Protein backbone atom coordinates (compact mmCIF):
# COMPACT_ATOMS: atom_id res chain seq x y z
CA UNK A 1 -10.16 14.31 -11.81
CA UNK A 2 -9.96 10.88 -10.22
CA UNK A 3 -13.12 8.89 -9.60
CA UNK A 4 -11.54 7.68 -6.37
CA UNK A 5 -11.17 9.63 -3.14
CA UNK A 6 -7.65 10.97 -2.67
CA UNK A 7 -6.12 10.03 0.70
CA UNK A 8 -3.32 11.93 2.40
CA UNK A 9 -2.19 9.22 4.84
CA UNK A 10 0.18 6.48 3.66
CA UNK A 11 -0.76 2.82 3.98
CA UNK A 12 0.70 0.56 6.64
CA UNK A 13 3.09 -2.10 5.30
CA UNK A 14 4.40 -5.19 7.12
CA UNK A 15 6.52 -8.22 6.25
CA UNK A 16 4.76 -11.31 7.62
CA UNK A 17 5.85 -14.91 7.05
CA UNK A 18 7.60 -14.17 3.76
CA UNK A 19 4.79 -12.00 2.36
CA UNK A 20 4.25 -8.25 2.26
CA UNK A 21 0.96 -7.07 3.75
CA UNK A 22 -0.58 -3.71 2.91
CA UNK A 23 -3.34 -2.18 5.03
CA UNK A 24 -4.71 1.09 3.72
CA UNK A 25 -7.77 3.31 3.56
CA UNK A 26 -11.13 2.14 2.21
CA UNK A 27 -10.57 -1.39 3.52
CA UNK A 28 -7.47 -2.02 1.40
CA UNK A 29 -6.05 -5.27 2.73
CA UNK A 30 -3.58 -6.99 0.41
CA UNK A 31 -0.86 -9.62 0.80
CA UNK A 32 1.66 -10.20 -1.99
CA UNK A 33 4.95 -11.88 -2.68
CA UNK A 34 8.11 -9.86 -2.13
CA UNK A 35 8.63 -9.78 -5.90
CA UNK A 36 5.14 -8.39 -6.55
CA UNK A 37 5.64 -5.85 -3.77
CA UNK A 38 8.94 -4.68 -5.29
CA UNK A 39 7.38 -4.18 -8.73
CA UNK A 40 4.37 -2.44 -7.20
CA UNK A 41 6.62 -0.11 -5.23
CA UNK A 42 8.54 0.83 -8.39
CA UNK A 43 5.29 1.53 -10.26
CA UNK A 44 3.97 3.60 -7.36
CA UNK A 45 7.14 5.66 -7.20
CA UNK A 46 7.13 6.36 -10.95
CA UNK A 47 3.49 7.44 -10.88
CA UNK A 48 4.00 9.46 -7.70
CA UNK A 49 6.73 11.48 -9.44
CA UNK A 50 4.48 11.98 -12.46
CA UNK A 51 1.51 13.07 -10.31
CA UNK A 52 3.67 15.50 -8.33
CA UNK A 53 4.84 17.06 -11.59
CA UNK A 54 1.26 17.30 -12.86
CA UNK A 55 0.22 19.03 -9.65
CA UNK A 56 3.13 21.50 -9.83
CA UNK A 57 2.56 22.38 -13.49
CA UNK A 58 -1.25 22.41 -13.61
CA UNK A 59 -1.53 26.21 -13.80
CA UNK A 60 1.08 26.78 -16.50
CA UNK A 61 -0.45 27.77 -19.87
CA UNK A 62 1.96 25.68 -22.00
CA UNK A 63 0.23 22.45 -20.88
CA UNK A 64 -2.51 20.90 -22.97
CA UNK A 65 -5.95 20.49 -21.40
CA UNK A 66 -5.82 16.67 -21.48
CA UNK A 67 -2.64 16.29 -19.41
């Protein structure tokens, strides 16, 4: 299980003066370049798909205990 609280609400995202600003739970307040934001969004999407699959398959006996 994660050591971090799991939030259900998405973060707010804005484009401001050529930067991407993220405002989320637990005082998340980040500004990044568009390039860094694009790479972050791709990583988030890949891991979101993986986590959704883990959640769907968690009760199936063919899975190992460490997955």
